[in-house]
Amino acid sequence: MPRKKEVKPKPVIVVEPEPTLTCCLCGKEFVGWGNNPSPLADEDKKCCDECNYTKVIPARLAEIAEHYGKE
């Protein structure tokens, strides 16, 4: 009589829900892990994607331009 195949259990994958946070720059709530708002706020805070694109990245680029003496 043939043996039955041993059925191995599938691993359980736990997916944590993304947190709901408040942007430290505009005050809006957003879902996700957030972005580092430095140099506009402390690194331990988080900002939304919109503020990251419209405020944080331009501020970082301005710092780089200032550092290298370009406007």
PDB file of N, CA and C in Angstrom:
ATOM      1  N   MET A   1       0.843  -1.172   0.000  1.00  0.00           N
ATOM      2  CA  MET A   1       0.000   0.000   0.000  1.00  0.00           C
ATOM      3  C   MET A   1       0.894   1.243   0.000  1.00  0.00           C
ATOM      4  N   PRO A   2       0.677   2.210  -0.938  1.00  0.00           N
ATOM      5  CA  PRO A   2       1.523   3.409  -1.009  1.00  0.00           C
ATOM      6  C   PRO A   2       1.266   4.332   0.190  1.00  0.00           C
ATOM      7  N   ARG A   3       2.339   4.995   0.575  1.00  0.00           N
ATOM      8  CA  ARG A   3       2.233   5.929   1.699  1.00  0.00           C
ATOM      9  C   ARG A   3       1.642   7.246   1.217  1.00  0.00           C
ATOM     10  N   LYS A   4       0.882   7.886   2.074  1.00  0.00           N
ATOM     11  CA  LYS A   4       0.333   9.197   1.745  1.00  0.00           C
ATOM     12  C   LYS A   4       1.440  10.231   1.858  1.00  0.00           C
ATOM     13  N   LYS A   5       1.369  11.234   0.993  1.00  0.00           N
ATOM     14  CA  LYS A   5       2.350  12.300   1.048  1.00  0.00           C
ATOM     15  C   LYS A   5       2.182  13.080   2.344  1.00  0.00           C
ATOM     16  N   GLU A   6       3.324  13.426   2.912  1.00  0.00           N
ATOM     17  CA  GLU A   6       3.290  14.218   4.130  1.00  0.00           C
ATOM     18  C   GLU A   6       3.003  15.670   3.744  1.00  0.00           C
ATOM     19  N   VAL A   7       1.990  16.233   4.327  1.00  0.00           N
ATOM     20  CA  VAL A   7       1.594  17.606   4.033  1.00  0.00           C
ATOM     21  C   VAL A   7       2.253  18.520   5.061  1.00  0.00           C
ATOM     22  N   LYS A   8       3.106  19.402   4.550  1.00  0.00           N
ATOM     23  CA  LYS A   8       3.768  20.354   5.433  1.00  0.00           C
ATOM     24  C   LYS A   8       2.911  21.606   5.508  1.00  0.00           C
ATOM     25  N   PRO A   9       2.758  22.171   6.702  1.00  0.00           N
ATOM     26  CA  PRO A   9       1.968  23.404   6.815  1.00  0.00           C
ATOM     27  C   PRO A   9       2.695  24.573   6.164  1.00  0.00           C
ATOM     28  N   LYS A  10       1.924  25.449   5.548  1.00  0.00           N
ATOM     29  CA  LYS A  10       2.504  26.630   4.923  1.00  0.00           C
ATOM     30  C   LYS A  10       2.858  27.634   6.011  1.00  0.00           C
ATOM     31  N   PRO A  11       3.943  28.378   5.818  1.00  0.00           N
ATOM     32  CA  PRO A  11       4.307  29.374   6.831  1.00  0.00           C
ATOM     33  C   PRO A  11       3.276  30.502   6.882  1.00  0.00           C
ATOM     34  N   VAL A  12       3.099  31.036   8.055  1.00  0.00           N
ATOM     35  CA  VAL A  12       2.159  32.127   8.239  1.00  0.00           C
ATOM     36  C   VAL A  12       2.914  33.439   8.070  1.00  0.00           C
ATOM     37  N   ILE A  13       2.398  34.296   7.207  1.00  0.00           N
ATOM     38  CA  ILE A  13       3.014  35.591   6.974  1.00  0.00           C
ATOM     39  C   ILE A  13       2.157  36.641   7.668  1.00  0.00           C
ATOM     40  N   VAL A  14       2.771  37.345   8.588  1.00  0.00           N
ATOM     41  CA  VAL A  14       2.052  38.380   9.320  1.00  0.00           C
ATOM     42  C   VAL A  14       2.389  39.723   8.689  1.00  0.00           C
ATOM     43  N   VAL A  15       1.362  40.418   8.230  1.00  0.00           N
ATOM     44  CA  VAL A  15       1.548  41.726   7.618  1.00  0.00           C
ATOM     45  C   VAL A  15       1.007  42.769   8.588  1.00  0.00           C
ATOM     46  N   GLU A  16       1.914  43.625   9.046  1.00  0.00           N
ATOM     47  CA  GLU A  16       1.490  44.665   9.970  1.00  0.00           C
ATOM     48  C   GLU A  16       0.858  45.803   9.185  1.00  0.00           C
ATOM     49  N   PRO A  17      -0.258  46.339   9.686  1.00  0.00           N
ATOM     50  CA  PRO A  17      -0.870  47.470   8.994  1.00  0.00           C
ATOM     51  C   PRO A  17       0.013  48.699   9.122  1.00  0.00           C
ATOM     52  N   GLU A  18      -0.013  49.522   8.081  1.00  0.00           N
ATOM     53  CA  GLU A  18       0.769  50.745   8.128  1.00  0.00           C
ATOM     54  C   GLU A  18       0.148  51.698   9.140  1.00  0.00           C
ATOM     55  N   PRO A  19       0.973  52.399   9.896  1.00  0.00           N
ATOM     56  CA  PRO A  19       0.433  53.287  10.925  1.00  0.00           C
ATOM     57  C   PRO A  19      -0.183  54.550  10.336  1.00  0.00           C
ATOM     58  N   THR A  20      -1.080  55.162  11.089  1.00  0.00           N
ATOM     59  CA  THR A  20      -1.627  56.463  10.736  1.00  0.00           C
ATOM     60  C   THR A  20      -0.864  57.485  11.572  1.00  0.00           C
ATOM     61  N   LEU A  21      -0.229  58.434  10.896  1.00  0.00           N
ATOM     62  CA  LEU A  21       0.587  59.440  11.564  1.00  0.00           C
ATOM     63  C   LEU A  21       0.095  60.836  11.206  1.00  0.00           C
ATOM     64  N   THR A  22       0.584  61.828  11.949  1.00  0.00           N
ATOM     65  CA  THR A  22       0.282  63.221  11.660  1.00  0.00           C
ATOM     66  C   THR A  22       1.558  63.885  11.176  1.00  0.00           C
ATOM     67  N   CYS A  23       1.464  64.567  10.046  1.00  0.00           N
ATOM     68  CA  CYS A  23       2.619  65.257   9.468  1.00  0.00           C
ATOM     69  C   CYS A  23       3.054  66.385  10.394  1.00  0.00           C
ATOM     70  N   CYS A  24       4.350  66.447  10.668  1.00  0.00           N
ATOM     71  CA  CYS A  24       4.876  67.480  11.564  1.00  0.00           C
ATOM     72  C   CYS A  24       4.963  68.844  10.884  1.00  0.00           C
ATOM     73  N   LEU A  25       4.808  68.894   9.570  1.00  0.00           N
ATOM     74  CA  LEU A  25       4.909  70.166   8.850  1.00  0.00           C
ATOM     75  C   LEU A  25       3.553  70.784   8.528  1.00  0.00           C
ATOM     76  N   CYS A  26       2.605  69.979   8.077  1.00  0.00           N
ATOM     77  CA  CYS A  26       1.300  70.538   7.691  1.00  0.00           C
ATOM     78  C   CYS A  26       0.167  70.133   8.633  1.00  0.00           C
ATOM     79  N   GLY A  27       0.392  69.129   9.465  1.00  0.00           N
ATOM     80  CA  GLY A  27      -0.620  68.725  10.436  1.00  0.00           C
ATOM     81  C   GLY A  27      -1.660  67.747   9.915  1.00  0.00           C
ATOM     82  N   LYS A  28      -1.570  67.349   8.643  1.00  0.00           N
ATOM     83  CA  LYS A  28      -2.540  66.401   8.090  1.00  0.00           C
ATOM     84  C   LYS A  28      -2.186  64.979   8.518  1.00  0.00           C
ATOM     85  N   GLU A  29      -3.211  64.151   8.675  1.00  0.00           N
ATOM     86  CA  GLU A  29      -2.978  62.735   8.954  1.00  0.00           C
ATOM     87  C   GLU A  29      -2.692  62.002   7.654  1.00  0.00           C
ATOM     88  N   PHE A  30      -1.804  61.004   7.726  1.00  0.00           N
ATOM     89  CA  PHE A  30      -1.490  60.202   6.550  1.00  0.00           C
ATOM     90  C   PHE A  30      -1.223  58.776   6.992  1.00  0.00           C
ATOM     91  N   VAL A  31      -1.363  57.849   6.050  1.00  0.00           N
ATOM     92  CA  VAL A  31      -1.115  56.439   6.322  1.00  0.00           C
ATOM     93  C   VAL A  31       0.220  56.081   5.704  1.00  0.00           C
ATOM     94  N   GLY A  32       1.044  55.414   6.472  1.00  0.00           N
ATOM     95  CA  GLY A  32       2.350  55.004   5.967  1.00  0.00           C
ATOM     96  C   GLY A  32       3.414  55.233   7.010  1.00  0.00           C
ATOM     97  N   TRP A  33       4.644  55.084   6.594  1.00  0.00           N
ATOM     98  CA  TRP A  33       5.768  55.188   7.529  1.00  0.00           C
ATOM     99  C   TRP A  33       6.316  56.593   7.599  1.00  0.00           C
ATOM    100  N   GLY A  34       5.998  57.457   6.659  1.00  0.00           N
ATOM    101  CA  GLY A  34       6.432  58.840   6.707  1.00  0.00           C
ATOM    102  C   GLY A  34       7.838  59.044   6.184  1.00  0.00           C
ATOM    103  N   ASN A  35       8.251  60.298   6.182  1.00  0.00           N
ATOM    104  CA  ASN A  35       9.552  60.706   5.659  1.00  0.00           C
ATOM    105  C   ASN A  35      10.298  61.521   6.706  1.00  0.00           C
ATOM    106  N   ASN A  36      11.617  61.522   6.593  1.00  0.00           N
ATOM    107  CA  ASN A  36      12.465  62.314   7.466  1.00  0.00           C
ATOM    108  C   ASN A  36      12.317  63.781   7.054  1.00  0.00           C
ATOM    109  N   PRO A  37      11.866  64.667   7.962  1.00  0.00           N
ATOM    110  CA  PRO A  37      11.634  66.055   7.591  1.00  0.00           C
ATOM    111  C   PRO A  37      12.848  66.969   7.718  1.00  0.00           C
ATOM    112  N   SER A  38      13.999  66.420   8.032  1.00  0.00           N
ATOM    113  CA  SER A  38      15.199  67.238   8.190  1.00  0.00           C
ATOM    114  C   SER A  38      15.569  67.861   6.850  1.00  0.00           C
ATOM    115  N   PRO A  39      15.863  69.104   6.765  1.00  0.00           N
ATOM    116  CA  PRO A  39      16.287  70.069   7.769  1.00  0.00           C
ATOM    117  C   PRO A  39      15.175  70.967   8.308  1.00  0.00           C
ATOM    118  N   LEU A  40      13.917  70.689   7.990  1.00  0.00           N
ATOM    119  CA  LEU A  40      12.824  71.565   8.411  1.00  0.00           C
ATOM    120  C   LEU A  40      12.257  71.219   9.782  1.00  0.00           C
ATOM    121  N   ALA A  41      12.535  70.029  10.276  1.00  0.00           N
ATOM    122  CA  ALA A  41      12.070  69.595  11.598  1.00  0.00           C
ATOM    123  C   ALA A  41      13.020  68.519  12.107  1.00  0.00           C
ATOM    124  N   ASP A  42      12.839  68.134  13.364  1.00  0.00           N
ATOM    125  CA  ASP A  42      13.695  67.112  13.968  1.00  0.00           C
ATOM    126  C   ASP A  42      13.558  65.788  13.233  1.00  0.00           C
ATOM    127  N   GLU A  43      14.664  65.050  13.169  1.00  0.00           N
ATOM    128  CA  GLU A  43      14.687  63.775  12.453  1.00  0.00           C
ATOM    129  C   GLU A  43      13.794  62.717  13.087  1.00  0.00           C
ATOM    130  N   ASP A  44      13.457  62.856  14.372  1.00  0.00           N
ATOM    131  CA  ASP A  44      12.620  61.853  15.025  1.00  0.00           C
ATOM    132  C   ASP A  44      11.140  62.031  14.694  1.00  0.00           C
ATOM    133  N   LYS A  45      10.797  63.116  14.009  1.00  0.00           N
ATOM    134  CA  LYS A  45       9.426  63.348  13.573  1.00  0.00           C
ATOM    135  C   LYS A  45       9.259  62.823  12.152  1.00  0.00           C
ATOM    136  N   LYS A  46       8.020  62.823  11.651  1.00  0.00           N
ATOM    137  CA  LYS A  46       7.739  62.328  10.301  1.00  0.00           C
ATOM    138  C   LYS A  46       6.879  63.334   9.553  1.00  0.00           C
ATOM    139  N   CYS A  47       7.088  63.397   8.234  1.00  0.00           N
ATOM    140  CA  CYS A  47       6.242  64.248   7.397  1.00  0.00           C
ATOM    141  C   CYS A  47       5.602  63.410   6.295  1.00  0.00           C
ATOM    142  N   CYS A  48       4.532  63.939   5.715  1.00  0.00           N
ATOM    143  CA  CYS A  48       3.802  63.240   4.657  1.00  0.00           C
ATOM    144  C   CYS A  48       4.573  63.333   3.338  1.00  0.00           C
ATOM    145  N   ASP A  49       4.153  62.549   2.365  1.00  0.00           N
ATOM    146  CA  ASP A  49       4.816  62.551   1.055  1.00  0.00           C
ATOM    147  C   ASP A  49       4.712  63.918   0.375  1.00  0.00           C
ATOM    148  N   GLU A  50       3.553  64.560   0.482  1.00  0.00           N
ATOM    149  CA  GLU A  50       3.370  65.849  -0.176  1.00  0.00           C
ATOM    150  C   GLU A  50       4.356  66.886   0.364  1.00  0.00           C
ATOM    151  N   CYS A  51       4.500  66.961   1.695  1.00  0.00           N
ATOM    152  CA  CYS A  51       5.452  67.917   2.279  1.00  0.00           C
ATOM    153  C   CYS A  51       6.890  67.519   1.951  1.00  0.00           C
ATOM    154  N   ASN A  52       7.143  66.214   1.869  1.00  0.00           N
ATOM    155  CA  ASN A  52       8.483  65.772   1.513  1.00  0.00           C
ATOM    156  C   ASN A  52       8.852  66.287   0.119  1.00  0.00           C
ATOM    157  N   TYR A  53       7.915  66.156  -0.837  1.00  0.00           N
ATOM    158  CA  TYR A  53       8.191  66.572  -2.219  1.00  0.00           C
ATOM    159  C   TYR A  53       8.216  68.090  -2.380  1.00  0.00           C
ATOM    160  N   THR A  54       7.318  68.793  -1.687  1.00  0.00           N
ATOM    161  CA  THR A  54       7.171  70.226  -1.928  1.00  0.00           C
ATOM    162  C   THR A  54       7.979  71.114  -0.988  1.00  0.00           C
ATOM    163  N   LYS A  55       8.388  70.576   0.174  1.00  0.00           N
ATOM    164  CA  LYS A  55       9.099  71.406   1.150  1.00  0.00           C
ATOM    165  C   LYS A  55      10.482  70.862   1.520  1.00  0.00           C
ATOM    166  N   VAL A  56      10.545  69.585   1.896  1.00  0.00           N
ATOM    167  CA  VAL A  56      11.791  69.023   2.423  1.00  0.00           C
ATOM    168  C   VAL A  56      12.863  68.886   1.338  1.00  0.00           C
ATOM    169  N   ILE A  57      12.517  68.278   0.225  1.00  0.00           N
ATOM    170  CA  ILE A  57      13.514  68.081  -0.833  1.00  0.00           C
ATOM    171  C   ILE A  57      14.023  69.412  -1.378  1.00  0.00           C
ATOM    172  N   PRO A  58      13.150  70.412  -1.648  1.00  0.00           N
ATOM    173  CA  PRO A  58      13.678  71.712  -2.068  1.00  0.00           C
ATOM    174  C   PRO A  58      14.599  72.353  -1.017  1.00  0.00           C
ATOM    175  N   ALA A  59      14.275  72.184   0.264  1.00  0.00           N
ATOM    176  CA  ALA A  59      15.132  72.739   1.321  1.00  0.00           C
ATOM    177  C   ALA A  59      16.488  72.045   1.332  1.00  0.00           C
ATOM    178  N   ARG A  60      16.508  70.765   1.123  1.00  0.00           N
ATOM    179  CA  ARG A  60      17.782  70.033   1.070  1.00  0.00           C
ATOM    180  C   ARG A  60      18.611  70.476  -0.133  1.00  0.00           C
ATOM    181  N   LEU A  61      17.956  70.638  -1.279  1.00  0.00           N
ATOM    182  CA  LEU A  61      18.671  71.087  -2.478  1.00  0.00           C
ATOM    183  C   LEU A  61      19.219  72.503  -2.299  1.00  0.00           C
ATOM    184  N   ALA A  62      18.456  73.358  -1.606  1.00  0.00           N
ATOM    185  CA  ALA A  62      18.923  74.720  -1.340  1.00  0.00           C
ATOM    186  C   ALA A  62      20.157  74.692  -0.437  1.00  0.00           C
ATOM    187  N   GLU A  63      20.176  73.805   0.554  1.00  0.00           N
ATOM    188  CA  GLU A  63      21.349  73.670   1.423  1.00  0.00           C
ATOM    189  C   GLU A  63      22.570  73.217   0.629  1.00  0.00           C
ATOM    190  N   ILE A  64      22.359  72.276  -0.277  1.00  0.00           N
ATOM    191  CA  ILE A  64      23.471  71.790  -1.103  1.00  0.00           C
ATOM    192  C   ILE A  64      23.985  72.922  -1.981  1.00  0.00           C
ATOM    193  N   ALA A  65      23.087  73.672  -2.613  1.00  0.00           N
ATOM    194  CA  ALA A  65      23.489  74.798  -3.471  1.00  0.00           C
ATOM    195  C   ALA A  65      24.239  75.840  -2.661  1.00  0.00           C
ATOM    196  N   GLU A  66      23.774  76.129  -1.447  1.00  0.00           N
ATOM    197  CA  GLU A  66      24.440  77.105  -0.587  1.00  0.00           C
ATOM    198  C   GLU A  66      25.828  76.610  -0.190  1.00  0.00           C
ATOM    199  N   HIS A  67      25.941  75.338   0.096  1.00  0.00           N
ATOM    200  CA  HIS A  67      27.208  74.769   0.496  1.00  0.00           C
ATOM    201  C   HIS A  67      28.253  74.880  -0.628  1.00  0.00           C
ATOM    202  N   TYR A  68      27.799  74.697  -1.856  1.00  0.00           N
ATOM    203  CA  TYR A  68      28.718  74.761  -2.991  1.00  0.00           C
ATOM    204  C   TYR A  68      28.776  76.146  -3.634  1.00  0.00           C
ATOM    205  N   GLY A  69      28.088  77.130  -3.018  1.00  0.00           N
ATOM    206  CA  GLY A  69      28.180  78.511  -3.493  1.00  0.00           C
ATOM    207  C   GLY A  69      27.414  78.789  -4.761  1.00  0.00           C
ATOM    208  N   LYS A  70      26.362  78.031  -5.016  1.00  0.00           N
ATOM    209  CA  LYS A  70      25.552  78.251  -6.214  1.00  0.00           C
ATOM    210  C   LYS A  70      24.139  78.625  -5.780  1.00  0.00           C
ATOM    211  N   GLU A  71      23.465  79.395  -6.598  1.00  0.00           N
ATOM    212  CA  GLU A  71      22.085  79.762  -6.291  1.00  0.00           C
ATOM    213  C   GLU A  71      21.117  79.051  -7.176  1.00  0.00           C
TER     214      GLU A  71
END
